[in-house]
């Protein structure tokens, strides 16, 4: 059973015995079955130390409620699919992060992944629902729905379907 958490957990994972200087978010920050809902504060390039202690520039996503996380191509694609291609538009958006086993560097290890669904974090959708209810044609309804940010659409689909039914009855 999945448990949603809104800040990293204090775990007894062995990696926590060897804290590094950067304190990045990792699979050791989640207990089994936990998934972290994290809100993006910034996305940028940053210098970190690699396994050999050498400086390396990597993409990093900073959160309001968790340590920063190195952003690999897999997770970047997932975020882009959820919130669009421009990473400047990701700020303020929420992600659902989980740990899973992946094959990397010739071995199976735990890694962080982002759910390919926008977490419902209780955002007020009243203005979007009112805009849908104000539509008088199917074309208007379609335009308003498609102009709504992608992460809001799943939360207002019921209102869209309700209005679709009402407008279908009129025609």
N, C-alpha and C. Protein backbone atom coordinates (compact mmCIF):
# COMPACT_ATOMS: atom_id res chain seq x y z
N UNK A 1 0.84 -1.18 0.00
CA UNK A 1 0.00 0.00 0.00
C UNK A 1 0.89 1.25 0.00
N UNK A 2 0.57 2.19 -0.87
CA UNK A 2 1.35 3.40 -0.99
C UNK A 2 0.91 4.43 0.05
N UNK A 3 1.90 5.03 0.69
CA UNK A 3 1.63 6.11 1.64
C UNK A 3 2.26 7.38 1.10
N UNK A 4 1.45 8.42 0.92
CA UNK A 4 1.98 9.70 0.46
C UNK A 4 2.53 10.49 1.63
N UNK A 5 3.73 11.04 1.46
CA UNK A 5 4.36 11.87 2.49
C UNK A 5 4.71 13.21 1.86
N UNK A 6 4.80 14.24 2.68
CA UNK A 6 5.07 15.58 2.17
C UNK A 6 6.42 16.12 2.64
N UNK A 7 7.22 15.27 3.22
CA UNK A 7 8.61 15.59 3.51
C UNK A 7 9.37 14.28 3.60
N UNK A 8 10.67 14.29 3.30
CA UNK A 8 11.43 13.05 3.35
C UNK A 8 11.39 12.42 4.73
N UNK A 9 11.46 11.10 4.77
CA UNK A 9 11.41 10.38 6.03
C UNK A 9 12.79 10.24 6.66
N UNK A 10 12.80 10.09 7.96
CA UNK A 10 14.03 9.74 8.66
C UNK A 10 14.11 8.22 8.62
N UNK A 11 15.05 7.70 7.87
CA UNK A 11 15.15 6.25 7.72
C UNK A 11 16.44 5.74 8.34
N UNK A 12 16.52 4.44 8.47
CA UNK A 12 17.75 3.82 8.98
C UNK A 12 18.51 3.14 7.83
N UNK A 13 18.31 3.66 6.62
CA UNK A 13 19.02 3.15 5.46
C UNK A 13 20.52 3.33 5.67
N UNK A 14 21.32 2.36 5.25
CA UNK A 14 22.76 2.40 5.49
C UNK A 14 23.43 3.63 4.88
N UNK A 15 22.88 4.18 3.79
CA UNK A 15 23.49 5.36 3.17
C UNK A 15 23.47 6.56 4.10
N UNK A 16 22.53 6.59 5.03
CA UNK A 16 22.45 7.70 5.97
C UNK A 16 23.59 7.68 6.99
N UNK A 17 24.35 6.59 7.04
CA UNK A 17 25.53 6.52 7.90
C UNK A 17 26.71 7.28 7.28
N UNK A 18 26.60 7.62 5.99
CA UNK A 18 27.68 8.28 5.27
C UNK A 18 27.16 9.54 4.57
N UNK A 19 26.75 10.53 5.34
CA UNK A 19 26.18 11.73 4.71
C UNK A 19 27.25 12.44 3.86
N UNK A 20 26.85 12.83 2.64
CA UNK A 20 27.80 13.56 1.80
C UNK A 20 27.60 15.06 2.01
N UNK A 21 28.44 15.83 1.40
CA UNK A 21 28.41 17.27 1.60
C UNK A 21 27.18 17.92 0.97
N UNK A 22 26.60 17.32 -0.06
CA UNK A 22 25.50 17.95 -0.78
C UNK A 22 24.12 17.63 -0.21
N UNK A 23 23.98 16.52 0.49
CA UNK A 23 22.70 16.10 1.05
C UNK A 23 21.57 16.17 0.02
N UNK A 24 21.75 15.42 -1.06
CA UNK A 24 20.74 15.36 -2.11
C UNK A 24 19.67 14.34 -1.77
N UNK A 25 18.48 14.55 -2.31
CA UNK A 25 17.39 13.61 -2.14
C UNK A 25 17.77 12.30 -2.83
N UNK A 26 17.53 11.20 -2.15
CA UNK A 26 17.83 9.89 -2.71
C UNK A 26 16.84 8.86 -2.22
N UNK A 27 16.95 7.64 -2.74
CA UNK A 27 16.02 6.58 -2.37
C UNK A 27 16.08 6.28 -0.88
N UNK A 28 17.20 6.60 -0.25
CA UNK A 28 17.33 6.37 1.19
C UNK A 28 16.44 7.29 2.02
N UNK A 29 15.84 8.31 1.37
CA UNK A 29 14.97 9.24 2.08
C UNK A 29 13.52 8.79 2.14
N UNK A 30 13.23 7.63 1.58
CA UNK A 30 11.87 7.11 1.59
C UNK A 30 11.84 5.72 2.21
N UNK A 31 10.89 5.49 3.09
CA UNK A 31 10.67 4.15 3.62
C UNK A 31 9.92 3.34 2.56
N UNK A 32 9.97 2.03 2.68
CA UNK A 32 9.27 1.17 1.73
C UNK A 32 7.79 1.55 1.66
N UNK A 33 7.29 1.71 0.45
CA UNK A 33 5.88 2.04 0.26
C UNK A 33 5.55 3.52 0.30
N UNK A 34 6.52 4.37 0.64
CA UNK A 34 6.28 5.81 0.70
C UNK A 34 6.53 6.46 -0.66
N UNK A 35 5.73 7.46 -0.96
CA UNK A 35 5.96 8.29 -2.14
C UNK A 35 5.87 9.74 -1.68
N UNK A 36 6.84 10.53 -2.11
CA UNK A 36 6.98 11.91 -1.66
C UNK A 36 6.28 12.86 -2.64
N UNK A 37 5.42 13.71 -2.11
CA UNK A 37 4.84 14.80 -2.91
C UNK A 37 5.72 16.02 -2.64
N UNK A 38 6.41 16.50 -3.69
CA UNK A 38 7.35 17.61 -3.54
C UNK A 38 7.00 18.72 -4.52
N UNK A 39 7.09 19.97 -4.04
CA UNK A 39 6.77 21.15 -4.85
C UNK A 39 8.07 21.78 -5.36
N UNK A 40 8.16 21.99 -6.67
CA UNK A 40 9.37 22.52 -7.29
C UNK A 40 9.55 24.00 -6.97
N UNK A 41 10.75 24.33 -6.49
CA UNK A 41 11.11 25.72 -6.19
C UNK A 41 12.00 26.30 -7.30
N UNK A 42 12.87 25.47 -7.88
CA UNK A 42 13.79 25.94 -8.93
C UNK A 42 14.36 24.75 -9.68
N UNK A 43 14.80 25.00 -10.92
CA UNK A 43 15.50 24.01 -11.73
C UNK A 43 16.70 24.71 -12.33
N UNK A 44 17.88 24.12 -12.15
CA UNK A 44 19.09 24.77 -12.66
C UNK A 44 20.23 23.77 -12.76
N UNK A 45 21.37 24.23 -13.26
CA UNK A 45 22.60 23.43 -13.31
C UNK A 45 23.40 23.76 -12.05
N UNK A 46 24.11 22.76 -11.52
CA UNK A 46 24.84 22.94 -10.27
C UNK A 46 26.06 22.04 -10.23
N UNK A 47 27.12 22.51 -9.58
CA UNK A 47 28.32 21.70 -9.38
C UNK A 47 28.11 20.75 -8.21
N UNK A 48 28.41 19.47 -8.40
CA UNK A 48 28.39 18.49 -7.32
C UNK A 48 29.65 17.64 -7.44
N UNK A 49 29.95 16.90 -6.42
CA UNK A 49 31.09 15.97 -6.44
C UNK A 49 30.59 14.62 -6.93
N UNK A 50 31.31 14.02 -7.87
CA UNK A 50 30.95 12.68 -8.32
C UNK A 50 31.51 11.64 -7.35
N UNK A 51 31.34 10.36 -7.68
CA UNK A 51 31.79 9.28 -6.78
C UNK A 51 33.28 9.34 -6.49
N UNK A 52 34.04 9.91 -7.42
CA UNK A 52 35.49 9.98 -7.26
C UNK A 52 35.96 11.30 -6.65
N UNK A 53 35.00 12.15 -6.23
CA UNK A 53 35.35 13.41 -5.60
C UNK A 53 35.64 14.54 -6.57
N UNK A 54 35.44 14.29 -7.86
CA UNK A 54 35.67 15.33 -8.86
C UNK A 54 34.41 16.16 -9.06
N UNK A 55 34.61 17.45 -9.41
CA UNK A 55 33.47 18.33 -9.68
C UNK A 55 32.80 17.92 -10.98
N UNK A 56 31.47 17.95 -10.95
CA UNK A 56 30.68 17.61 -12.12
C UNK A 56 29.47 18.55 -12.13
N UNK A 57 29.11 19.08 -13.30
CA UNK A 57 27.94 19.94 -13.39
C UNK A 57 26.74 19.07 -13.79
N UNK A 58 25.67 19.16 -13.01
CA UNK A 58 24.48 18.35 -13.25
C UNK A 58 23.23 19.24 -13.18
N UNK A 59 22.14 18.73 -13.73
CA UNK A 59 20.85 19.40 -13.60
C UNK A 59 20.26 19.02 -12.25
N UNK A 60 19.71 20.00 -11.56
CA UNK A 60 19.17 19.79 -10.22
C UNK A 60 17.80 20.44 -10.13
N UNK A 61 16.88 19.74 -9.48
CA UNK A 61 15.58 20.34 -9.18
C UNK A 61 15.55 20.57 -7.67
N UNK A 62 15.24 21.81 -7.27
CA UNK A 62 15.14 22.15 -5.86
C UNK A 62 13.67 22.18 -5.48
N UNK A 63 13.38 21.69 -4.28
CA UNK A 63 12.01 21.61 -3.79
C UNK A 63 11.81 22.53 -2.60
N UNK A 64 10.56 22.90 -2.37
CA UNK A 64 10.22 23.71 -1.20
C UNK A 64 10.23 22.86 0.06
N UNK A 65 9.97 21.57 -0.05
CA UNK A 65 9.77 20.72 1.12
C UNK A 65 10.68 19.50 1.17
N UNK A 66 11.77 19.50 0.40
CA UNK A 66 12.68 18.36 0.39
C UNK A 66 14.05 18.82 -0.09
N UNK A 67 15.09 18.01 0.16
CA UNK A 67 16.42 18.36 -0.37
C UNK A 67 16.40 18.36 -1.90
N UNK A 68 17.38 19.00 -2.52
CA UNK A 68 17.45 18.99 -3.98
C UNK A 68 17.68 17.58 -4.52
N UNK A 69 17.30 17.36 -5.78
CA UNK A 69 17.45 16.06 -6.41
C UNK A 69 18.15 16.25 -7.75
N UNK A 70 19.15 15.43 -8.02
CA UNK A 70 19.77 15.44 -9.34
C UNK A 70 18.72 14.98 -10.34
N UNK A 71 18.62 15.70 -11.44
CA UNK A 71 17.59 15.43 -12.43
C UNK A 71 18.20 14.68 -13.61
N UNK A 72 17.85 13.39 -13.73
CA UNK A 72 18.34 12.62 -14.87
C UNK A 72 17.39 12.78 -16.05
N UNK A 73 17.76 12.26 -17.19
CA UNK A 73 16.97 12.44 -18.41
C UNK A 73 15.60 11.77 -18.30
N UNK A 74 15.54 10.62 -17.64
CA UNK A 74 14.26 9.92 -17.49
C UNK A 74 13.27 10.77 -16.71
N UNK A 75 13.69 11.30 -15.56
CA UNK A 75 12.80 12.13 -14.75
C UNK A 75 12.49 13.46 -15.41
N UNK A 76 13.46 14.04 -16.13
CA UNK A 76 13.21 15.30 -16.84
C UNK A 76 12.13 15.11 -17.91
N UNK A 77 12.18 14.00 -18.63
CA UNK A 77 11.15 13.71 -19.65
C UNK A 77 9.78 13.56 -19.01
N UNK A 78 9.73 12.90 -17.87
CA UNK A 78 8.45 12.72 -17.19
C UNK A 78 7.87 14.07 -16.78
N UNK A 79 8.70 14.93 -16.19
CA UNK A 79 8.22 16.26 -15.79
C UNK A 79 7.76 17.05 -17.01
N UNK A 80 8.52 16.97 -18.11
CA UNK A 80 8.14 17.69 -19.33
C UNK A 80 6.81 17.18 -19.87
N UNK A 81 6.56 15.89 -19.78
CA UNK A 81 5.27 15.34 -20.22
C UNK A 81 4.13 15.85 -19.35
N UNK A 82 4.40 16.07 -18.07
CA UNK A 82 3.37 16.54 -17.15
C UNK A 82 3.12 18.04 -17.27
N UNK A 83 4.19 18.82 -17.34
CA UNK A 83 4.08 20.27 -17.21
C UNK A 83 4.58 21.09 -18.40
N UNK A 84 5.04 20.43 -19.44
CA UNK A 84 5.48 21.15 -20.63
C UNK A 84 7.00 21.18 -20.77
N UNK A 85 7.43 21.55 -21.95
CA UNK A 85 8.85 21.50 -22.32
C UNK A 85 9.73 22.54 -21.62
N UNK A 86 9.16 23.68 -21.23
CA UNK A 86 9.96 24.76 -20.64
C UNK A 86 10.12 24.56 -19.14
N UNK A 87 11.34 24.28 -18.71
CA UNK A 87 11.54 24.00 -17.28
C UNK A 87 11.28 25.21 -16.40
N UNK A 88 11.30 26.40 -16.98
CA UNK A 88 10.95 27.59 -16.18
C UNK A 88 9.49 27.55 -15.76
N UNK A 89 8.65 26.82 -16.49
CA UNK A 89 7.23 26.69 -16.14
C UNK A 89 6.97 25.61 -15.08
N UNK A 90 7.98 24.85 -14.72
CA UNK A 90 7.81 23.78 -13.73
C UNK A 90 7.77 24.33 -12.30
N UNK A 91 8.29 25.52 -12.09
CA UNK A 91 8.34 26.11 -10.74
C UNK A 91 6.91 26.25 -10.20
N UNK A 92 6.72 25.77 -8.98
CA UNK A 92 5.41 25.82 -8.34
C UNK A 92 4.59 24.56 -8.56
N UNK A 93 5.05 23.67 -9.43
CA UNK A 93 4.34 22.43 -9.73
C UNK A 93 4.76 21.33 -8.74
N UNK A 94 3.86 20.38 -8.52
CA UNK A 94 4.14 19.29 -7.60
C UNK A 94 4.41 17.99 -8.35
N UNK A 95 5.27 17.17 -7.76
CA UNK A 95 5.64 15.86 -8.31
C UNK A 95 5.39 14.78 -7.26
N UNK A 96 5.15 13.57 -7.73
CA UNK A 96 5.04 12.42 -6.84
C UNK A 96 6.25 11.54 -7.12
N UNK A 97 7.15 11.45 -6.14
CA UNK A 97 8.44 10.78 -6.30
C UNK A 97 8.44 9.46 -5.53
N UNK A 98 8.95 8.42 -6.17
CA UNK A 98 9.02 7.10 -5.53
C UNK A 98 10.37 6.46 -5.81
N UNK A 99 10.73 5.46 -5.04
CA UNK A 99 11.98 4.72 -5.23
C UNK A 99 11.65 3.37 -5.85
N UNK A 100 12.49 2.97 -6.81
CA UNK A 100 12.29 1.68 -7.47
C UNK A 100 13.65 1.13 -7.90
N UNK A 101 13.69 -0.18 -8.11
CA UNK A 101 14.94 -0.79 -8.59
C UNK A 101 15.07 -0.58 -10.08
N UNK A 102 16.28 -0.16 -10.50
CA UNK A 102 16.60 0.02 -11.91
C UNK A 102 17.95 -0.61 -12.17
N UNK A 103 18.20 -0.95 -13.42
CA UNK A 103 19.52 -1.45 -13.80
C UNK A 103 20.33 -0.26 -14.28
N UNK A 104 21.43 0.01 -13.59
CA UNK A 104 22.29 1.13 -13.94
C UNK A 104 23.73 0.80 -13.57
N UNK A 105 24.63 1.24 -14.40
CA UNK A 105 26.06 1.02 -14.15
C UNK A 105 26.37 -0.46 -13.94
N UNK A 106 25.67 -1.32 -14.70
CA UNK A 106 25.94 -2.75 -14.66
C UNK A 106 25.36 -3.51 -13.50
N UNK A 107 24.57 -2.84 -12.67
CA UNK A 107 23.96 -3.55 -11.54
C UNK A 107 22.58 -2.99 -11.23
N UNK A 108 21.82 -3.77 -10.48
CA UNK A 108 20.50 -3.31 -10.07
C UNK A 108 20.65 -2.51 -8.78
N UNK A 109 20.03 -1.31 -8.77
CA UNK A 109 20.10 -0.46 -7.59
C UNK A 109 18.83 0.37 -7.48
N UNK A 110 18.62 0.97 -6.33
CA UNK A 110 17.45 1.81 -6.11
C UNK A 110 17.68 3.18 -6.73
N UNK A 111 16.62 3.72 -7.32
CA UNK A 111 16.69 5.06 -7.92
C UNK A 111 15.34 5.75 -7.72
N UNK A 112 15.37 7.07 -7.75
CA UNK A 112 14.15 7.85 -7.65
C UNK A 112 13.53 8.01 -9.03
N UNK A 113 12.22 7.88 -9.08
CA UNK A 113 11.46 8.10 -10.31
C UNK A 113 10.26 8.98 -9.99
N UNK A 114 9.72 9.60 -11.01
CA UNK A 114 8.57 10.49 -10.86
C UNK A 114 7.37 9.82 -11.50
N UNK A 115 6.27 9.78 -10.76
CA UNK A 115 5.03 9.21 -11.29
C UNK A 115 4.57 10.01 -12.50
N UNK A 116 4.07 9.33 -13.49
CA UNK A 116 3.58 9.99 -14.70
C UNK A 116 2.13 10.43 -14.51
N UNK A 117 1.87 11.05 -13.38
CA UNK A 117 0.56 11.60 -13.05
C UNK A 117 0.77 12.80 -12.14
N UNK A 118 -0.04 13.79 -12.32
CA UNK A 118 0.07 14.99 -11.50
C UNK A 118 -0.66 14.75 -10.18
N UNK A 119 0.05 14.89 -9.06
CA UNK A 119 -0.61 14.64 -7.78
C UNK A 119 -1.66 15.70 -7.47
N UNK A 120 -2.75 15.26 -6.89
CA UNK A 120 -3.80 16.19 -6.47
C UNK A 120 -3.39 16.75 -5.11
N UNK A 121 -3.04 18.01 -5.10
CA UNK A 121 -2.58 18.63 -3.86
C UNK A 121 -3.58 19.67 -3.36
N UNK A 122 -4.84 19.48 -3.74
CA UNK A 122 -5.90 20.34 -3.23
C UNK A 122 -5.93 21.73 -3.83
N UNK A 123 -5.45 21.88 -5.07
CA UNK A 123 -5.46 23.19 -5.70
C UNK A 123 -6.90 23.62 -5.98
N UNK A 124 -7.17 24.88 -5.78
CA UNK A 124 -8.50 25.44 -6.04
C UNK A 124 -8.73 25.50 -7.55
N UNK A 125 -9.77 24.82 -8.01
CA UNK A 125 -10.08 24.77 -9.44
C UNK A 125 -11.33 25.56 -9.79
N UNK A 126 -11.85 26.35 -8.86
CA UNK A 126 -13.11 27.07 -9.05
C UNK A 126 -13.11 27.91 -10.32
N UNK A 127 -12.05 28.68 -10.57
CA UNK A 127 -12.03 29.55 -11.75
C UNK A 127 -12.11 28.75 -13.05
N UNK A 128 -11.47 27.60 -13.09
CA UNK A 128 -11.50 26.75 -14.28
C UNK A 128 -12.88 26.11 -14.47
N UNK A 129 -13.47 25.67 -13.36
CA UNK A 129 -14.81 25.08 -13.42
C UNK A 129 -15.83 26.13 -13.85
N UNK A 130 -15.74 27.35 -13.33
CA UNK A 130 -16.64 28.43 -13.72
C UNK A 130 -16.50 28.77 -15.20
N UNK A 131 -15.27 28.75 -15.71
CA UNK A 131 -15.04 29.02 -17.14
C UNK A 131 -15.70 27.94 -18.00
N UNK A 132 -15.63 26.69 -17.55
CA UNK A 132 -16.30 25.61 -18.29
C UNK A 132 -17.81 25.78 -18.26
N UNK A 133 -18.36 26.13 -17.10
CA UNK A 133 -19.81 26.29 -16.94
C UNK A 133 -20.35 27.48 -17.75
N UNK A 134 -19.49 28.43 -18.08
CA UNK A 134 -19.91 29.61 -18.85
C UNK A 134 -19.95 29.33 -20.36
N UNK A 135 -19.47 28.19 -20.77
CA UNK A 135 -19.44 27.86 -22.20
C UNK A 135 -20.85 27.64 -22.73
N UNK A 136 -21.07 28.13 -23.97
CA UNK A 136 -22.40 28.00 -24.59
C UNK A 136 -22.37 27.09 -25.81
N UNK A 137 -21.16 26.72 -26.26
CA UNK A 137 -21.06 25.81 -27.41
C UNK A 137 -20.01 24.75 -27.10
N UNK A 138 -20.07 23.67 -27.85
CA UNK A 138 -19.08 22.60 -27.69
C UNK A 138 -17.68 23.11 -28.07
N UNK A 139 -17.61 23.97 -29.08
CA UNK A 139 -16.32 24.53 -29.49
C UNK A 139 -15.72 25.37 -28.36
N UNK A 140 -16.55 26.18 -27.70
CA UNK A 140 -16.08 26.97 -26.55
C UNK A 140 -15.58 26.05 -25.45
N UNK A 141 -16.35 25.01 -25.17
CA UNK A 141 -15.99 24.07 -24.11
C UNK A 141 -14.64 23.42 -24.40
N UNK A 142 -14.47 22.99 -25.63
CA UNK A 142 -13.20 22.36 -26.01
C UNK A 142 -12.04 23.34 -25.87
N UNK A 143 -12.23 24.59 -26.32
CA UNK A 143 -11.16 25.59 -26.24
C UNK A 143 -10.80 25.89 -24.78
N UNK A 144 -11.80 26.10 -23.94
CA UNK A 144 -11.54 26.41 -22.53
C UNK A 144 -10.80 25.25 -21.86
N UNK A 145 -11.24 24.03 -22.13
CA UNK A 145 -10.59 22.86 -21.52
C UNK A 145 -9.15 22.73 -22.00
N UNK A 146 -8.92 22.90 -23.29
CA UNK A 146 -7.56 22.76 -23.83
C UNK A 146 -6.65 23.91 -23.41
N UNK A 147 -7.23 25.08 -23.10
CA UNK A 147 -6.43 26.21 -22.62
C UNK A 147 -6.11 26.10 -21.13
N UNK A 148 -6.75 25.16 -20.45
CA UNK A 148 -6.50 24.94 -19.03
C UNK A 148 -5.15 24.24 -18.86
N UNK A 149 -4.34 24.64 -17.89
CA UNK A 149 -3.05 23.96 -17.68
C UNK A 149 -3.23 22.44 -17.54
N UNK A 150 -2.28 21.69 -18.12
CA UNK A 150 -2.37 20.22 -18.14
C UNK A 150 -2.59 19.62 -16.76
N UNK A 151 -1.93 20.17 -15.75
CA UNK A 151 -2.02 19.56 -14.42
C UNK A 151 -3.37 19.80 -13.77
N UNK A 152 -4.17 20.74 -14.28
CA UNK A 152 -5.50 21.03 -13.73
C UNK A 152 -6.56 20.15 -14.39
N UNK A 153 -6.36 19.79 -15.65
CA UNK A 153 -7.37 19.07 -16.43
C UNK A 153 -7.95 17.84 -15.73
N UNK A 154 -7.13 16.97 -15.14
CA UNK A 154 -7.73 15.80 -14.50
C UNK A 154 -8.69 16.17 -13.36
N UNK A 155 -8.47 17.31 -12.73
CA UNK A 155 -9.30 17.72 -11.60
C UNK A 155 -10.63 18.34 -12.04
N UNK A 156 -10.74 18.74 -13.32
CA UNK A 156 -11.98 19.38 -13.79
C UNK A 156 -12.68 18.57 -14.87
N UNK A 157 -12.22 17.36 -15.10
CA UNK A 157 -12.82 16.52 -16.15
C UNK A 157 -14.29 16.26 -15.88
N UNK A 158 -14.68 16.05 -14.64
CA UNK A 158 -16.09 15.79 -14.32
C UNK A 158 -16.95 16.99 -14.71
N UNK A 159 -16.49 18.20 -14.44
CA UNK A 159 -17.24 19.41 -14.82
C UNK A 159 -17.33 19.53 -16.33
N UNK A 160 -16.21 19.24 -17.03
CA UNK A 160 -16.22 19.27 -18.50
C UNK A 160 -17.25 18.28 -19.04
N UNK A 161 -17.25 17.05 -18.50
CA UNK A 161 -18.18 16.03 -18.97
C UNK A 161 -19.63 16.41 -18.68
N UNK A 162 -19.87 17.02 -17.53
CA UNK A 162 -21.21 17.51 -17.17
C UNK A 162 -21.69 18.54 -18.20
N UNK A 163 -20.81 19.50 -18.52
CA UNK A 163 -21.17 20.55 -19.48
C UNK A 163 -21.32 19.98 -20.90
N UNK A 164 -20.52 18.99 -21.21
CA UNK A 164 -20.61 18.34 -22.52
C UNK A 164 -22.00 17.71 -22.68
N UNK A 165 -22.46 17.06 -21.60
CA UNK A 165 -23.80 16.47 -21.62
C UNK A 165 -24.88 17.52 -21.79
N UNK A 166 -24.77 18.62 -21.06
CA UNK A 166 -25.78 19.70 -21.15
C UNK A 166 -25.79 20.34 -22.53
N UNK A 167 -24.60 20.58 -23.09
CA UNK A 167 -24.53 21.22 -24.40
C UNK A 167 -24.99 20.26 -25.50
N UNK A 168 -24.78 18.97 -25.31
CA UNK A 168 -25.24 17.96 -26.29
C UNK A 168 -26.76 17.91 -26.32
N UNK A 169 -27.40 18.07 -25.15
CA UNK A 169 -28.85 18.06 -25.07
C UNK A 169 -29.46 19.23 -25.82
N UNK A 170 -28.77 20.37 -25.81
CA UNK A 170 -29.28 21.58 -26.46
C UNK A 170 -29.23 21.49 -27.99
N UNK A 171 -28.30 20.69 -28.51
CA UNK A 171 -28.15 20.66 -29.97
C UNK A 171 -28.92 19.55 -30.63
